[in-house]
Amino acid sequence: MRKYKLGLDIEKIDRIISRDMDAHMMKTIDGDKLTVSQAYVIDFILTSQKEDIFQKDLEKEFDLKRAAISLMLNNMEKNDLIKRVPVSEDARLKKIVLTEKAIALSTKIIGAVDEIENTLVEDLTQEEIDNFYTVLNKMRNSLSKRKG
């Protein structure tokens, strides 16, 4: 009987997906210095039901530490993709706002993200996708119990 190494297999598929998505995004967004993670952030901000998006929202959504999100946002700000705008109620809070450049790229970004997502599920049934998410959530819950 084969001993499964789920963590290793998940890491491998993550690298494959990341390489494919990076290549596809680079091809789609000609010359604009944009990573897949940044594209997903732009996609999240565009499609979020929340009026204002803050760094903590991105940390939660992408399950990344504050330092990683901060670095990504710094790079996005340098590349004129976002602005951090102080909130009138609390000057320490800064909402993340897309620039005209990011909004102009949004159609390409959403199209590229959707294309990759559709490729990932093209050979799967809805039941398989639902089961996959059930298993992912169980794994996530198991790992979060370990942290506690």
C-alpha atoms as a PDB file:
ATOM      1  CA  MET A   1       0.000   0.000   0.000  1.00  0.00           C
ATOM      2  CA  ARG A   2       1.361   3.423  -0.992  1.00  0.00           C
ATOM      3  CA  LYS A   3       2.048   5.849   1.809  1.00  0.00           C
ATOM      4  CA  TYR A   4       0.652   9.192   0.747  1.00  0.00           C
ATOM      5  CA  LYS A   5       2.528  12.406   1.373  1.00  0.00           C
ATOM      6  CA  LEU A   6      -0.305  14.896   0.986  1.00  0.00           C
ATOM      7  CA  GLY A   7       1.759  17.889   2.090  1.00  0.00           C
ATOM      8  CA  LEU A   8       4.422  17.183  -0.509  1.00  0.00           C
ATOM      9  CA  ASP A   9       1.855  16.532  -3.248  1.00  0.00           C
ATOM     10  CA  ILE A  10       0.003  19.744  -2.398  1.00  0.00           C
ATOM     11  CA  GLU A  11       3.296  21.649  -2.513  1.00  0.00           C
ATOM     12  CA  LYS A  12       4.097  20.156  -5.946  1.00  0.00           C
ATOM     13  CA  ILE A  13       0.713  21.054  -7.441  1.00  0.00           C
ATOM     14  CA  ASP A  14       1.019  24.520  -5.900  1.00  0.00           C
ATOM     15  CA  ARG A  15       4.338  25.064  -7.725  1.00  0.00           C
ATOM     16  CA  ILE A  16       2.871  23.784 -11.011  1.00  0.00           C
ATOM     17  CA  ILE A  17      -0.178  26.032 -10.686  1.00  0.00           C
ATOM     18  CA  SER A  18       1.968  29.024  -9.671  1.00  0.00           C
ATOM     19  CA  ARG A  19       4.365  28.609 -12.615  1.00  0.00           C
ATOM     20  CA  ASP A  20       1.486  28.200 -15.062  1.00  0.00           C
ATOM     21  CA  MET A  21      -0.401  31.159 -13.636  1.00  0.00           C
ATOM     22  CA  ASP A  22       2.710  33.365 -13.581  1.00  0.00           C
ATOM     23  CA  ALA A  23       3.457  32.528 -17.223  1.00  0.00           C
ATOM     24  CA  HIS A  24      -0.159  33.103 -18.249  1.00  0.00           C
ATOM     25  CA  MET A  25      -0.368  36.381 -16.330  1.00  0.00           C
ATOM     26  CA  MET A  26       2.912  37.630 -17.819  1.00  0.00           C
ATOM     27  CA  LYS A  27       1.626  36.813 -21.298  1.00  0.00           C
ATOM     28  CA  THR A  28      -1.724  38.495 -20.598  1.00  0.00           C
ATOM     29  CA  ILE A  29      -0.410  41.619 -18.918  1.00  0.00           C
ATOM     30  CA  ASP A  30       2.262  42.722 -21.387  1.00  0.00           C
ATOM     31  CA  GLY A  31       5.214  44.259 -19.611  1.00  0.00           C
ATOM     32  CA  ASP A  32       3.263  45.419 -16.574  1.00  0.00           C
ATOM     33  CA  LYS A  33       5.163  44.320 -13.513  1.00  0.00           C
ATOM     34  CA  LEU A  34       2.405  42.242 -11.990  1.00  0.00           C
ATOM     35  CA  THR A  35       2.599  38.974 -10.091  1.00  0.00           C
ATOM     36  CA  VAL A  36      -0.190  36.443  -9.840  1.00  0.00           C
ATOM     37  CA  SER A  37      -0.604  37.270  -6.153  1.00  0.00           C
ATOM     38  CA  GLN A  38      -1.009  40.934  -7.027  1.00  0.00           C
ATOM     39  CA  ALA A  39      -3.530  39.997  -9.708  1.00  0.00           C
ATOM     40  CA  TYR A  40      -5.533  38.044  -7.133  1.00  0.00           C
ATOM     41  CA  VAL A  41      -5.407  41.043  -4.765  1.00  0.00           C
ATOM     42  CA  ILE A  42      -6.742  43.316  -7.515  1.00  0.00           C
ATOM     43  CA  ASP A  43      -9.403  40.723  -8.357  1.00  0.00           C
ATOM     44  CA  PHE A  44     -10.375  40.477  -4.658  1.00  0.00           C
ATOM     45  CA  ILE A  45     -10.649  44.251  -4.252  1.00  0.00           C
ATOM     46  CA  LEU A  46     -12.734  44.534  -7.427  1.00  0.00           C
ATOM     47  CA  THR A  47     -15.116  41.717  -6.554  1.00  0.00           C
ATOM     48  CA  SER A  48     -15.332  42.175  -2.783  1.00  0.00           C
ATOM     49  CA  GLN A  49     -18.705  42.893  -1.264  1.00  0.00           C
ATOM     50  CA  LYS A  50     -17.020  45.165   1.290  1.00  0.00           C
ATOM     51  CA  GLU A  51     -16.918  48.861   0.580  1.00  0.00           C
ATOM     52  CA  ASP A  52     -13.471  49.427   2.077  1.00  0.00           C
ATOM     53  CA  ILE A  53     -10.597  46.926   1.991  1.00  0.00           C
ATOM     54  CA  PHE A  54      -7.808  47.099   4.554  1.00  0.00           C
ATOM     55  CA  GLN A  55      -4.533  45.222   4.912  1.00  0.00           C
ATOM     56  CA  LYS A  56      -6.074  42.973   7.588  1.00  0.00           C
ATOM     57  CA  ASP A  57      -8.764  41.909   5.081  1.00  0.00           C
ATOM     58  CA  LEU A  58      -6.044  40.774   2.669  1.00  0.00           C
ATOM     59  CA  GLU A  59      -4.158  38.976   5.449  1.00  0.00           C
ATOM     60  CA  LYS A  60      -7.318  37.027   6.276  1.00  0.00           C
ATOM     61  CA  GLU A  61      -8.401  36.365   2.678  1.00  0.00           C
ATOM     62  CA  PHE A  62      -5.008  35.132   1.482  1.00  0.00           C
ATOM     63  CA  ASP A  63      -3.920  33.604   4.809  1.00  0.00           C
ATOM     64  CA  LEU A  64      -0.645  35.511   4.754  1.00  0.00           C
ATOM     65  CA  LYS A  65       1.282  37.199   7.533  1.00  0.00           C
ATOM     66  CA  ARG A  66       1.270  40.967   7.932  1.00  0.00           C
ATOM     67  CA  ALA A  67       4.866  41.293   6.682  1.00  0.00           C
ATOM     68  CA  ALA A  68       4.144  39.386   3.446  1.00  0.00           C
ATOM     69  CA  ILE A  69       1.038  41.447   2.651  1.00  0.00           C
ATOM     70  CA  SER A  70       2.855  44.659   3.571  1.00  0.00           C
ATOM     71  CA  LEU A  71       5.715  43.838   1.177  1.00  0.00           C
ATOM     72  CA  MET A  72       3.261  42.997  -1.615  1.00  0.00           C
ATOM     73  CA  LEU A  73       1.319  46.226  -1.047  1.00  0.00           C
ATOM     74  CA  ASN A  74       4.554  48.241  -1.004  1.00  0.00           C
ATOM     75  CA  ASN A  75       5.469  46.769  -4.397  1.00  0.00           C
ATOM     76  CA  MET A  76       1.971  47.378  -5.738  1.00  0.00           C
ATOM     77  CA  GLU A  77       2.162  50.983  -4.563  1.00  0.00           C
ATOM     78  CA  LYS A  78       5.588  51.441  -6.225  1.00  0.00           C
ATOM     79  CA  ASN A  79       4.122  50.056  -9.461  1.00  0.00           C
ATOM     80  CA  ASP A  80       1.150  52.462  -9.237  1.00  0.00           C
ATOM     81  CA  LEU A  81      -1.442  49.688  -8.784  1.00  0.00           C
ATOM     82  CA  ILE A  82      -2.821  50.786  -5.403  1.00  0.00           C
ATOM     83  CA  LYS A  83      -2.946  53.750  -3.052  1.00  0.00           C
ATOM     84  CA  ARG A  84      -3.277  53.574   0.718  1.00  0.00           C
ATOM     85  CA  VAL A  85      -5.754  56.200   1.793  1.00  0.00           C
ATOM     86  CA  PRO A  86      -6.229  57.243   5.444  1.00  0.00           C
ATOM     87  CA  VAL A  87      -9.724  56.792   6.840  1.00  0.00           C
ATOM     88  CA  SER A  88     -11.300  59.893   8.365  1.00  0.00           C
ATOM     89  CA  GLU A  89     -12.450  58.078  11.545  1.00  0.00           C
ATOM     90  CA  ASP A  90      -8.960  56.704  12.290  1.00  0.00           C
ATOM     91  CA  ALA A  91      -5.875  58.141  10.565  1.00  0.00           C
ATOM     92  CA  ARG A  92      -3.885  55.001  11.496  1.00  0.00           C
ATOM     93  CA  LEU A  93      -6.188  52.911   9.286  1.00  0.00           C
ATOM     94  CA  LYS A  94      -5.497  53.047   5.578  1.00  0.00           C
ATOM     95  CA  LYS A  95      -7.886  51.586   3.051  1.00  0.00           C
ATOM     96  CA  ILE A  96      -6.491  50.019  -0.108  1.00  0.00           C
ATOM     97  CA  VAL A  97      -7.714  51.736  -3.258  1.00  0.00           C
ATOM     98  CA  LEU A  98      -6.993  50.636  -6.814  1.00  0.00           C
ATOM     99  CA  THR A  99      -5.389  53.176  -9.117  1.00  0.00           C
ATOM    100  CA  GLU A 100      -6.518  53.969 -12.635  1.00  0.00           C
ATOM    101  CA  LYS A 101      -3.706  51.717 -13.902  1.00  0.00           C
ATOM    102  CA  ALA A 102      -5.021  48.719 -11.915  1.00  0.00           C
ATOM    103  CA  ILE A 103      -8.588  49.411 -12.976  1.00  0.00           C
ATOM    104  CA  ALA A 104      -7.460  49.635 -16.614  1.00  0.00           C
ATOM    105  CA  LEU A 105      -5.805  46.200 -16.226  1.00  0.00           C
ATOM    106  CA  SER A 106      -8.776  44.706 -14.390  1.00  0.00           C
ATOM    107  CA  THR A 107     -10.514  43.201 -17.421  1.00  0.00           C
ATOM    108  CA  LYS A 108      -7.315  41.437 -18.466  1.00  0.00           C
ATOM    109  CA  ILE A 109      -6.646  40.335 -14.889  1.00  0.00           C
ATOM    110  CA  ILE A 110     -10.137  38.946 -14.306  1.00  0.00           C
ATOM    111  CA  GLY A 111     -10.020  37.190 -17.680  1.00  0.00           C
ATOM    112  CA  ALA A 112      -6.619  35.623 -16.951  1.00  0.00           C
ATOM    113  CA  VAL A 113      -7.620  34.504 -13.444  1.00  0.00           C
ATOM    114  CA  ASP A 114     -10.903  33.049 -14.749  1.00  0.00           C
ATOM    115  CA  GLU A 115      -9.100  31.235 -17.553  1.00  0.00           C
ATOM    116  CA  ILE A 116      -6.692  29.549 -15.135  1.00  0.00           C
ATOM    117  CA  GLU A 117      -9.486  28.702 -12.692  1.00  0.00           C
ATOM    118  CA  ASN A 118     -11.557  27.192 -15.520  1.00  0.00           C
ATOM    119  CA  THR A 119      -8.574  25.113 -16.645  1.00  0.00           C
ATOM    120  CA  LEU A 120      -8.154  23.743 -13.117  1.00  0.00           C
ATOM    121  CA  VAL A 121     -11.739  22.479 -12.970  1.00  0.00           C
ATOM    122  CA  GLU A 122     -12.417  21.553 -16.603  1.00  0.00           C
ATOM    123  CA  ASP A 123     -12.137  17.780 -15.990  1.00  0.00           C
ATOM    124  CA  LEU A 124     -13.904  17.837 -12.612  1.00  0.00           C
ATOM    125  CA  THR A 125     -17.555  17.383 -11.771  1.00  0.00           C
ATOM    126  CA  GLN A 126     -19.297  19.763  -9.375  1.00  0.00           C
ATOM    127  CA  GLU A 127     -19.413  16.930  -6.848  1.00  0.00           C
ATOM    128  CA  GLU A 128     -15.630  16.449  -7.118  1.00  0.00           C
ATOM    129  CA  ILE A 129     -15.083  20.179  -6.623  1.00  0.00           C
ATOM    130  CA  ASP A 130     -17.383  20.178  -3.580  1.00  0.00           C
ATOM    131  CA  ASN A 131     -15.572  17.134  -2.146  1.00  0.00           C
ATOM    132  CA  PHE A 132     -12.211  18.787  -2.784  1.00  0.00           C
ATOM    133  CA  TYR A 133     -13.269  21.853  -0.796  1.00  0.00           C
ATOM    134  CA  THR A 134     -14.616  19.653   1.999  1.00  0.00           C
ATOM    135  CA  VAL A 135     -11.228  17.936   2.253  1.00  0.00           C
ATOM    136  CA  LEU A 136      -9.316  21.250   2.014  1.00  0.00           C
ATOM    137  CA  ASN A 137     -11.380  22.737   4.829  1.00  0.00           C
ATOM    138  CA  LYS A 138     -10.799  19.662   6.998  1.00  0.00           C
ATOM    139  CA  MET A 139      -7.044  19.945   6.391  1.00  0.00           C
ATOM    140  CA  ARG A 140      -7.108  23.678   7.153  1.00  0.00           C
ATOM    141  CA  ASN A 141      -9.045  23.060  10.373  1.00  0.00           C
ATOM    142  CA  SER A 142      -6.620  20.302  11.431  1.00  0.00           C
ATOM    143  CA  LEU A 143      -3.659  22.588  10.852  1.00  0.00           C
ATOM    144  CA  SER A 144      -5.276  25.503  12.697  1.00  0.00           C
ATOM    145  CA  LYS A 145      -5.910  23.233  15.714  1.00  0.00           C
ATOM    146  CA  ARG A 146      -2.197  22.416  15.769  1.00  0.00           C
ATOM    147  CA  LYS A 147      -1.284  26.113  15.950  1.00  0.00           C
ATOM    148  CA  GLY A 148      -3.602  26.701  18.900  1.00  0.00           C
END
